[in-house]
């Protein structure tokens, strides 16, 4: 199947998606394609009144459809039909995402689309398999922990993996019996809009999924402060997560799930398989050009393995094939925007001015669009901006250690604790070190998420609150009440 396409021929969904139909809206935010920097569309901004309309539609749809109260297996079956359509319409979804995002079309077809369908199927099965609990009490009473949906859940997704991040939010919320108002990034909204359209075609009641477009300052603030949204789920930067927490605190109290930034270490011991380690590390920073919150951007390697590992990483970085996201031959992503590529370059320059060495990269690629060379920085200390700042680009720092204690000290970041990697053949060391690493996800002798959606993801420290994926995500979309019934004879 030929995947390459002409981006100028793609018909883009226009407007917000509310109540099962598109709502025309004037575009306000100019959009550029990262692959060629060409302005091609404008994104509308939902104001507080439109957000309120979407929430009202969601509440009415939930009430009139009986989504939360019907036989749970009906929710499961509808979500499976939705997953079927995601797979059947995968090429359309991939093209819509490739136009606006940093995701190459080949990787979207093989990865994001397939993973999103799997996520929907995974959460669909929770609808009729997870419920209330009967808990032990004395013989004269009956104790229960009853769960129920929040009602309307608000979700905000980032630009780096638009389709799969929407699946993270929509899947568990729907399976748990909620309606959703979701705001995708204003830079990458199109695949999410079409995803919602497919849900209606699959038989999920109109109005249960509503997509409002806009920015964080106007649309996001209206959502997070809305009194009828019972819970917020957000994936994005730590700064934006802090702003959401502050807005919720100003406007009321509600639970939230926040998956935020990271500055994840990868510790490589000299006894490890260095070929395996080098490939895993390179993939973690080259994938999406390092634009992932779990990107393993800090390599901490035992001194004896430093030279061969750096050589292997340089060799792997030299194999990239940058190109437009709509060209199936491309395997290396552009940076999302001019602003972001300038930020990456500024941090690299600041690190080099502070004494860092640059064995590879360190510059913008000479081609159209926003492409930055895979970059290695060595001779960096713990106060270097390349170590302290989440760069969100293809920049890898390399530090060496002499013993396990030093490795753990270097790995510990004062702000972030999202993920970590560990490479060693020593099982005892792996278990011992894993227990001490301060991160919500730890990979040993690999560095990537699997398609085992049962494993939750979420961070320590300022990397977030709560969990996405796993049964934890399903339960995070339901609230509980304790019930104690007196069984004594009242006559």
Protein backbone atom coordinates (compact mmCIF):
# COMPACT_ATOMS: atom_id res chain seq x y z
CA UNK A 1 0.00 0.00 0.00
CA UNK A 2 1.43 3.37 -1.06
CA UNK A 3 1.25 5.72 1.91
CA UNK A 4 2.77 8.94 0.54
CA UNK A 5 0.28 11.67 -0.33
CA UNK A 6 -0.03 15.32 -1.35
CA UNK A 7 -0.93 17.37 1.77
CA UNK A 8 -2.66 20.03 -0.32
CA UNK A 9 -5.32 17.54 -1.43
CA UNK A 10 -6.50 16.55 2.07
CA UNK A 11 -9.96 17.74 3.09
CA UNK A 12 -9.68 18.86 6.71
CA UNK A 13 -12.55 18.70 9.23
CA UNK A 14 -13.68 22.24 10.00
CA UNK A 15 -15.02 23.64 13.25
CA UNK A 16 -15.87 22.11 16.60
CA UNK A 17 -17.63 18.73 16.94
CA UNK A 18 -20.56 19.06 19.33
CA UNK A 19 -23.68 16.91 19.58
CA UNK A 20 -22.57 14.63 16.76
CA UNK A 21 -22.04 17.35 14.15
CA UNK A 22 -19.51 19.97 13.13
CA UNK A 23 -20.11 23.51 14.35
CA UNK A 24 -18.75 26.09 11.93
CA UNK A 25 -16.39 28.56 13.55
CA UNK A 26 -14.09 31.31 12.36
CA UNK A 27 -10.42 30.38 12.44
CA UNK A 28 -8.37 32.55 14.76
CA UNK A 29 -5.05 30.78 15.34
CA UNK A 30 -2.80 30.40 12.26
CA UNK A 31 -1.41 26.89 11.72
CA UNK A 32 1.83 25.92 9.96
CA UNK A 33 2.82 22.47 8.75
CA UNK A 34 6.00 21.45 10.61
CA UNK A 35 7.35 19.58 7.59
CA UNK A 36 7.52 22.63 5.30
CA UNK A 37 6.57 25.65 7.50
CA UNK A 38 3.68 26.48 5.15
CA UNK A 39 0.58 28.15 6.63
CA UNK A 40 -2.36 25.98 5.63
CA UNK A 41 -5.28 26.47 8.05
CA UNK A 42 -6.60 28.43 11.03
CA UNK A 43 -7.86 26.93 14.27
CA UNK A 44 -10.99 28.41 15.91
CA UNK A 45 -11.08 29.20 19.61
CA UNK A 46 -14.02 28.05 21.72
CA UNK A 47 -14.96 30.70 24.26
CA UNK A 48 -16.60 30.08 27.64
CA UNK A 49 -20.10 30.15 26.08
CA UNK A 50 -19.26 27.46 23.55
CA UNK A 51 -17.57 25.31 26.20
CA UNK A 52 -20.73 25.67 28.28
CA UNK A 53 -22.78 24.58 25.27
CA UNK A 54 -20.61 21.49 24.81
CA UNK A 55 -20.95 20.58 28.49
CA UNK A 56 -24.72 21.02 28.36
CA UNK A 57 -24.93 18.81 25.27
CA UNK A 58 -22.80 16.17 27.01
CA UNK A 59 -25.01 16.21 30.11
CA UNK A 60 -28.17 15.89 28.04
CA UNK A 61 -26.73 13.08 25.90
CA UNK A 62 -25.69 11.19 29.01
CA UNK A 63 -29.15 11.53 30.49
CA UNK A 64 -31.16 10.76 27.37
CA UNK A 65 -29.01 7.90 26.06
CA UNK A 66 -28.79 6.04 29.36
CA UNK A 67 -25.12 5.39 28.55
CA UNK A 68 -24.16 5.10 32.22
CA UNK A 69 -27.16 3.04 33.29
CA UNK A 70 -27.71 0.66 30.41
CA UNK A 71 -26.44 -2.91 30.41
CA UNK A 72 -22.63 -2.47 30.62
CA UNK A 73 -21.95 -4.91 27.79
CA UNK A 74 -23.69 -2.49 25.43
CA UNK A 75 -20.96 0.06 26.15
CA UNK A 76 -18.37 -2.63 25.47
CA UNK A 77 -19.93 -3.62 22.14
CA UNK A 78 -20.26 -0.02 20.92
CA UNK A 79 -16.61 0.68 21.74
CA UNK A 80 -15.51 -2.46 19.89
CA UNK A 81 -17.41 -1.26 16.82
CA UNK A 82 -15.60 2.07 17.19
CA UNK A 83 -12.23 0.29 17.29
CA UNK A 84 -13.21 -1.60 14.12
CA UNK A 85 -13.85 1.72 12.35
CA UNK A 86 -10.56 3.19 13.60
CA UNK A 87 -8.75 0.30 11.93
CA UNK A 88 -10.85 0.48 8.76
CA UNK A 89 -10.34 4.26 8.47
CA UNK A 90 -6.70 4.14 9.57
CA UNK A 91 -5.31 5.67 6.41
CA UNK A 92 -7.63 8.67 6.64
CA UNK A 93 -6.80 9.18 10.32
CA UNK A 94 -3.07 8.91 9.58
CA UNK A 95 -3.19 11.43 6.75
CA UNK A 96 -5.13 13.94 8.84
CA UNK A 97 -2.58 13.63 11.61
CA UNK A 98 0.48 13.65 9.35
CA UNK A 99 -0.50 16.97 7.74
CA UNK A 100 -0.44 18.93 10.97
CA UNK A 101 1.79 16.95 13.32
CA UNK A 102 5.35 15.67 13.61
CA UNK A 103 4.37 12.01 13.08
CA UNK A 104 5.55 10.41 9.78
CA UNK A 105 2.78 8.64 7.88
CA UNK A 106 4.47 5.21 8.03
CA UNK A 107 4.85 5.36 11.79
CA UNK A 108 1.24 6.49 12.17
CA UNK A 109 -0.16 3.55 10.22
CA UNK A 110 2.03 0.96 11.94
CA UNK A 111 1.94 2.53 15.40
CA UNK A 112 -0.47 5.25 16.48
CA UNK A 113 -3.59 4.10 14.63
CA UNK A 114 -3.17 0.45 15.61
CA UNK A 115 -2.35 1.34 19.22
CA UNK A 116 -5.37 3.65 19.50
CA UNK A 117 -7.71 0.88 18.33
CA UNK A 118 -6.10 -1.50 20.83
CA UNK A 119 -6.57 1.03 23.64
CA UNK A 120 -10.27 1.42 22.87
CA UNK A 121 -10.73 -2.37 22.87
CA UNK A 122 -8.75 -2.71 26.10
CA UNK A 123 -10.88 -0.20 28.01
CA UNK A 124 -14.11 -1.45 26.45
CA UNK A 125 -13.68 -4.71 28.33
CA UNK A 126 -13.67 -2.94 31.70
CA UNK A 127 -17.27 -1.80 31.30
CA UNK A 128 -18.78 -5.13 32.34
CA UNK A 129 -15.89 -6.55 34.35
CA UNK A 130 -15.12 -3.90 36.96
CA UNK A 131 -17.72 -2.67 39.42
CA UNK A 132 -18.70 -2.26 43.02
CA UNK A 133 -17.20 -4.37 45.83
CA UNK A 134 -18.75 -6.22 48.72
CA UNK A 135 -16.39 -5.68 51.63
CA UNK A 136 -16.01 -7.64 54.89
CA UNK A 137 -18.02 -6.34 57.85
CA UNK A 138 -19.66 -8.02 60.84
CA UNK A 139 -22.50 -10.50 60.29
CA UNK A 140 -25.18 -7.96 61.19
CA UNK A 141 -24.34 -5.49 58.41
CA UNK A 142 -23.59 -5.41 54.70
CA UNK A 143 -20.72 -3.21 53.52
CA UNK A 144 -20.33 -2.10 49.92
CA UNK A 145 -18.09 0.26 47.98
CA UNK A 146 -20.26 1.44 45.11
CA UNK A 147 -18.79 3.21 42.08
CA UNK A 148 -20.41 5.45 39.50
CA UNK A 149 -19.24 7.73 36.68
CA UNK A 150 -18.44 11.40 37.26
CA UNK A 151 -20.84 12.50 34.53
CA UNK A 152 -18.95 14.86 32.22
CA UNK A 153 -15.17 14.47 32.08
CA UNK A 154 -12.96 17.22 30.65
CA UNK A 155 -9.86 16.13 28.74
CA UNK A 156 -7.00 18.13 27.22
CA UNK A 157 -4.47 16.43 24.95
CA UNK A 158 -1.06 17.53 23.61
CA UNK A 159 0.24 17.96 20.07
CA UNK A 160 2.97 15.31 20.07
CA UNK A 161 0.80 12.16 19.79
CA UNK A 162 -2.68 13.55 19.05
CA UNK A 163 -4.49 10.35 18.13
CA UNK A 164 -3.14 7.99 20.76
CA UNK A 165 -3.42 10.63 23.50
CA UNK A 166 -7.09 11.09 22.61
CA UNK A 167 -7.47 7.31 22.95
CA UNK A 168 -5.89 7.50 26.42
CA UNK A 169 -8.59 9.93 27.55
CA UNK A 170 -11.67 8.82 25.63
CA UNK A 171 -11.34 5.07 26.16
CA UNK A 172 -11.47 4.84 29.97
CA UNK A 173 -13.91 7.76 30.34
CA UNK A 174 -16.45 6.21 27.98
CA UNK A 175 -16.05 2.68 29.32
CA UNK A 176 -16.66 4.04 32.83
CA UNK A 177 -19.97 5.54 31.73
CA UNK A 178 -19.06 9.20 31.29
CA UNK A 179 -19.56 11.79 28.57
CA UNK A 180 -16.50 13.79 27.47
CA UNK A 181 -15.60 17.28 26.38
CA UNK A 182 -12.10 17.11 24.89
CA UNK A 183 -9.80 19.89 23.73
CA UNK A 184 -7.00 18.74 21.42
CA UNK A 185 -3.97 20.91 20.83
CA UNK A 186 -4.68 23.88 18.61
CA UNK A 187 -1.72 22.75 16.47
CA UNK A 188 -2.96 19.20 15.76
CA UNK A 189 -6.76 18.91 16.03
CA UNK A 190 -7.83 17.12 12.84
CA UNK A 191 -7.36 13.42 13.59
CA UNK A 192 -9.15 13.88 16.94
CA UNK A 193 -12.14 15.48 15.22
CA UNK A 194 -12.40 12.56 12.81
CA UNK A 195 -11.96 10.08 15.65
CA UNK A 196 -15.05 11.54 17.34
CA UNK A 197 -16.97 11.37 14.07
CA UNK A 198 -16.13 7.66 13.81
CA UNK A 199 -17.47 7.10 17.33
CA UNK A 200 -20.90 8.36 16.26
CA UNK A 201 -20.80 6.16 13.17
CA UNK A 202 -20.05 3.20 15.47
CA UNK A 203 -23.25 3.80 17.44
CA UNK A 204 -21.89 5.71 20.43
CA UNK A 205 -24.68 8.21 21.16
CA UNK A 206 -24.34 11.68 19.68
CA UNK A 207 -23.16 14.20 22.23
CA UNK A 208 -21.22 11.79 24.42
CA UNK A 209 -17.98 12.89 22.76
CA UNK A 210 -17.62 16.63 22.09
CA UNK A 211 -14.47 18.22 20.68
CA UNK A 212 -13.88 21.91 21.31
CA UNK A 213 -10.96 23.59 19.61
CA UNK A 214 -8.94 26.42 21.04
CA UNK A 215 -5.99 27.45 23.18
CA UNK A 216 -5.24 26.92 26.83
CA UNK A 217 -5.78 30.50 27.96
CA UNK A 218 -9.37 30.74 26.69
CA UNK A 219 -10.77 27.28 25.98
CA UNK A 220 -8.70 25.27 28.44
CA UNK A 221 -9.37 27.70 31.25
CA UNK A 222 -13.12 27.61 30.58
CA UNK A 223 -13.06 23.81 30.68
CA UNK A 224 -11.00 23.33 33.81
CA UNK A 225 -13.07 25.89 35.70
CA UNK A 226 -16.48 24.68 34.52
CA UNK A 227 -18.67 23.67 37.50
CA UNK A 228 -20.42 20.85 35.59
CA UNK A 229 -17.22 19.07 34.54
CA UNK A 230 -16.66 16.50 37.26
CA UNK A 231 -13.07 15.53 36.56
CA UNK A 232 -10.14 16.81 34.46
CA UNK A 233 -7.56 14.71 32.62
CA UNK A 234 -4.57 16.49 31.08
CA UNK A 235 -1.35 15.49 29.34
CA UNK A 236 1.19 18.21 28.65
CA UNK A 237 3.88 20.37 30.16
CA UNK A 238 4.47 20.80 33.88
CA UNK A 239 3.87 24.54 33.54
CA UNK A 240 0.47 24.01 31.93
CA UNK A 241 -0.40 21.38 34.54
CA UNK A 242 0.40 23.83 37.31
CA UNK A 243 -1.83 26.44 35.67
CA UNK A 244 -4.68 23.91 35.48
CA UNK A 245 -4.30 23.08 39.17
CA UNK A 246 -4.38 26.77 40.03
CA UNK A 247 -7.50 27.39 37.94
CA UNK A 248 -9.31 24.44 39.50
CA UNK A 249 -8.38 25.74 42.94
CA UNK A 250 -9.75 29.19 42.08
CA UNK A 251 -13.04 27.92 40.68
CA UNK A 252 -13.82 24.93 42.89
CA UNK A 253 -12.57 21.49 43.78
CA UNK A 254 -12.48 18.49 41.45
CA UNK A 255 -10.22 15.46 40.90
CA UNK A 256 -7.62 15.58 38.16
CA UNK A 257 -5.19 13.30 36.36
CA UNK A 258 -2.06 15.08 35.16
CA UNK A 259 0.67 13.45 33.07
CA UNK A 260 3.31 16.13 32.83
CA UNK A 261 6.92 16.73 31.83
CA UNK A 262 9.94 14.53 32.21
CA UNK A 263 13.71 14.54 32.08
CA UNK A 264 14.21 10.82 32.15
CA UNK A 265 17.56 9.13 32.88
CA UNK A 266 18.91 5.96 31.27
CA UNK A 267 21.55 4.21 33.36
CA UNK A 268 23.94 1.94 31.47
CA UNK A 269 26.18 -0.41 33.43
CA UNK A 270 29.27 -1.80 31.74
CA UNK A 271 28.02 -5.38 31.99
CA UNK A 272 25.01 -4.61 29.78
CA UNK A 273 24.49 -5.55 26.14
CA UNK A 274 25.80 -2.29 24.69
CA UNK A 275 24.32 -2.91 21.24
CA UNK A 276 20.88 -3.38 22.77
CA UNK A 277 21.38 -0.36 25.01
CA UNK A 278 22.56 1.89 22.19
CA UNK A 279 19.64 0.95 19.96
CA UNK A 280 17.09 1.49 22.75
CA UNK A 281 18.60 4.83 23.77
CA UNK A 282 18.84 6.06 20.19
CA UNK A 283 15.26 5.06 19.44
CA UNK A 284 14.03 6.84 22.57
CA UNK A 285 15.51 10.19 21.50
CA UNK A 286 15.08 9.84 17.72
CA UNK A 287 11.43 8.77 17.91
CA UNK A 288 9.31 11.84 17.16
CA UNK A 289 12.60 13.77 17.31
CA UNK A 290 12.58 13.54 21.10
CA UNK A 291 9.19 15.24 21.38
CA UNK A 292 7.81 12.94 24.06
CA UNK A 293 7.50 13.51 27.78
CA UNK A 294 9.07 10.09 28.44
CA UNK A 295 12.03 10.69 26.10
CA UNK A 296 15.12 9.19 27.68
CA UNK A 297 17.18 12.34 27.32
CA UNK A 298 19.84 11.77 30.02
CA UNK A 299 22.31 8.91 29.50
CA UNK A 300 24.31 8.00 32.60
CA UNK A 301 26.92 5.41 31.65
CA UNK A 302 29.62 3.55 33.59
CA UNK A 303 33.04 4.91 32.67
CA UNK A 304 34.28 1.66 31.08
CA UNK A 305 31.36 1.69 28.62
CA UNK A 306 31.39 5.41 27.84
CA UNK A 307 33.48 5.42 24.67
CA UNK A 308 31.87 2.46 22.85
CA UNK A 309 28.36 3.61 23.77
CA UNK A 310 28.93 7.14 22.47
CA UNK A 311 30.38 5.73 19.25
CA UNK A 312 27.36 3.49 18.77
CA UNK A 313 24.96 6.37 19.43
CA UNK A 314 26.72 8.61 16.90
CA UNK A 315 26.55 5.87 14.30
CA UNK A 316 22.85 5.32 14.90
CA UNK A 317 22.11 9.05 14.72
CA UNK A 318 23.79 9.20 11.32
CA UNK A 319 21.18 6.84 9.82
CA UNK A 320 18.19 9.17 10.06
CA UNK A 321 16.10 9.96 6.99
CA UNK A 322 14.38 13.30 7.67
CA UNK A 323 11.55 14.27 5.40
CA UNK A 324 7.98 15.46 5.21
CA UNK A 325 5.55 13.55 7.39
CA UNK A 326 3.48 12.73 4.30
CA UNK A 327 6.42 10.89 2.65
CA UNK A 328 6.48 7.20 3.58
CA UNK A 329 10.29 7.15 3.26
CA UNK A 330 10.71 9.58 6.17
CA UNK A 331 11.74 8.10 9.52
CA UNK A 332 12.76 11.26 11.36
CA UNK A 333 10.30 13.92 12.49
CA UNK A 334 10.30 17.68 12.22
CA UNK A 335 10.01 19.88 15.29
CA UNK A 336 6.47 21.13 15.87
CA UNK A 337 7.09 24.88 15.38
CA UNK A 338 9.60 27.65 14.76
CA UNK A 339 9.24 28.71 18.38
CA UNK A 340 10.11 25.23 19.64
CA UNK A 341 13.10 24.74 17.36
CA UNK A 342 14.47 28.11 18.50
CA UNK A 343 14.04 27.02 22.13
CA UNK A 344 15.90 23.74 21.51
CA UNK A 345 18.77 25.55 19.82
CA UNK A 346 18.95 28.15 22.60
CA UNK A 347 19.33 25.45 25.29
CA UNK A 348 22.00 23.62 23.27
CA UNK A 349 23.93 26.86 22.75
CA UNK A 350 23.67 27.75 26.44
CA UNK A 351 24.99 24.31 27.40
CA UNK A 352 27.90 24.63 25.00
CA UNK A 353 28.69 28.13 26.25
CA UNK A 354 28.82 26.63 29.76
CA UNK A 355 31.45 24.09 28.65
CA UNK A 356 29.52 21.20 27.15
CA UNK A 357 31.07 19.31 24.24
CA UNK A 358 29.01 18.33 21.21
CA UNK A 359 30.16 15.07 19.58
CA UNK A 360 27.14 15.09 17.23
CA UNK A 361 24.57 17.57 15.94
CA UNK A 362 23.96 20.84 17.69
CA UNK A 363 22.39 22.59 14.74
CA UNK A 364 19.26 23.06 12.68
CA UNK A 365 19.15 20.92 9.52
CA UNK A 366 19.45 22.84 6.27
CA UNK A 367 16.12 21.98 4.68
CA UNK A 368 12.59 23.38 4.56
CA UNK A 369 10.49 22.93 7.63
CA UNK A 370 11.52 22.70 11.28
CA UNK A 371 14.18 19.98 11.52
CA UNK A 372 16.91 19.77 14.16
CA UNK A 373 19.90 17.44 13.99
CA UNK A 374 20.14 14.60 16.53
CA UNK A 375 22.46 16.01 19.17
CA UNK A 376 24.84 14.55 21.75
CA UNK A 377 26.16 16.70 24.58
CA UNK A 378 28.93 15.53 26.91
CA UNK A 379 30.94 17.16 29.70
CA UNK A 380 27.76 18.49 31.30
CA UNK A 381 27.19 18.96 35.00
CA UNK A 382 24.00 18.88 37.09
CA UNK A 383 23.36 22.62 36.71
CA UNK A 384 23.65 22.65 32.91
CA UNK A 385 20.40 23.75 31.23
CA UNK A 386 20.65 20.61 29.11
CA UNK A 387 20.28 18.59 32.34
CA UNK A 388 17.80 20.75 34.24
CA UNK A 389 15.41 21.75 31.42
CA UNK A 390 12.94 19.53 29.57
CA UNK A 391 14.14 20.25 26.04
CA UNK A 392 11.47 18.34 24.09
CA UNK A 393 13.76 17.73 21.15
CA UNK A 394 16.41 15.29 19.84
CA UNK A 395 19.06 16.23 22.41
CA UNK A 396 20.81 13.57 24.49
CA UNK A 397 23.22 14.34 27.34
CA UNK A 398 25.88 11.82 28.38
CA UNK A 399 27.43 11.64 31.85
CA UNK A 400 29.68 8.97 33.35
CA UNK A 401 29.78 7.30 36.77
CA UNK A 402 32.09 5.00 38.68
CA UNK A 403 29.71 3.20 41.05
CA UNK A 404 26.03 2.56 41.65
CA UNK A 405 25.60 5.30 44.24
CA UNK A 406 26.98 7.92 41.88
CA UNK A 407 24.71 6.66 39.09
CA UNK A 408 21.63 7.00 41.28
CA UNK A 409 22.68 10.45 42.44
CA UNK A 410 23.06 11.63 38.84
CA UNK A 411 19.74 10.04 37.85
CA UNK A 412 17.75 11.79 40.58
CA UNK A 413 16.22 14.98 39.17
CA UNK A 414 14.97 17.69 41.55
CA UNK A 415 11.79 18.29 39.54
CA UNK A 416 10.93 15.35 37.30
CA UNK A 417 10.23 11.66 37.84
CA UNK A 418 8.24 10.41 34.87
CA UNK A 419 10.31 7.50 33.53
CA UNK A 420 13.74 5.88 33.71
CA UNK A 421 15.75 3.24 31.88
CA UNK A 422 18.22 0.71 33.24
CA UNK A 423 20.61 -1.56 31.31
CA UNK A 424 22.40 -4.40 33.08
CA UNK A 425 22.71 -8.20 32.96
CA UNK A 426 22.74 -8.39 36.77
CA UNK A 427 19.20 -9.22 37.96
CA UNK A 428 19.96 -8.37 41.58
CA UNK A 429 21.29 -4.98 40.58
CA UNK A 430 18.29 -4.38 38.34
CA UNK A 431 15.81 -5.03 41.15
CA UNK A 432 17.84 -3.13 43.73
CA UNK A 433 18.26 -0.08 41.49
CA UNK A 434 14.67 -0.10 40.28
CA UNK A 435 13.46 0.17 43.87
CA UNK A 436 15.51 3.31 44.40
CA UNK A 437 14.81 5.14 41.16
CA UNK A 438 12.24 7.90 41.64
CA UNK A 439 10.11 7.46 38.53
CA UNK A 440 6.61 6.29 37.73
CA UNK A 441 7.73 3.97 34.91
CA UNK A 442 11.01 2.08 34.76
CA UNK A 443 12.17 0.02 31.80
CA UNK A 444 14.93 -2.56 32.19
CA UNK A 445 16.96 -3.52 29.10
CA UNK A 446 14.51 -1.61 26.91
CA UNK A 447 13.16 1.92 26.68
CA UNK A 448 9.68 2.05 25.24
CA UNK A 449 6.07 1.45 26.08
CA UNK A 450 4.70 -1.89 25.03
CA UNK A 451 1.20 -2.62 23.78
CA UNK A 452 0.37 -4.10 27.17
CA UNK A 453 -2.12 -1.41 28.12
CA UNK A 454 -2.56 -2.97 31.55
CA UNK A 455 0.60 -1.15 32.68
CA UNK A 456 -0.34 2.33 33.98
CA UNK A 457 1.74 5.41 33.26
CA UNK A 458 2.23 8.48 35.41
CA UNK A 459 4.93 10.39 37.22
CA UNK A 460 6.54 11.21 40.53
CA UNK A 461 7.39 14.73 41.72
CA UNK A 462 6.32 17.45 39.26
CA UNK A 463 5.78 14.89 36.51
CA UNK A 464 2.16 14.46 37.43
CA UNK A 465 -0.70 13.20 39.54
CA UNK A 466 -2.58 9.95 38.98
CA UNK A 467 -2.28 7.40 36.19
CA UNK A 468 -3.25 6.94 32.57
CA UNK A 469 -3.66 3.47 31.05
CA UNK A 470 -4.17 0.31 33.08
CA UNK A 471 -7.14 -0.42 35.31
CA UNK A 472 -6.07 2.64 37.30
CA UNK A 473 -7.25 4.85 34.42
CA UNK A 474 -10.66 3.19 34.36
CA UNK A 475 -11.11 3.60 38.12
CA UNK A 476 -9.90 7.21 37.88
CA UNK A 477 -13.00 7.89 35.78
CA UNK A 478 -15.41 6.64 38.46
CA UNK A 479 -16.12 7.97 41.92
CA UNK A 480 -16.93 5.78 44.89
CA UNK A 481 -19.32 5.85 47.81
CA UNK A 482 -19.32 3.67 50.92
CA UNK A 483 -22.58 1.98 51.88
CA UNK A 484 -23.29 0.17 55.17
CA UNK A 485 -26.64 -1.60 55.57
CA UNK A 486 -27.89 -2.69 58.95
CA UNK A 487 -29.14 -6.29 58.71
CA UNK A 488 -30.52 -6.58 62.24
CA UNK A 489 -34.19 -7.39 62.63
CA UNK A 490 -35.94 -4.02 63.04
CA UNK A 491 -39.30 -5.50 64.17
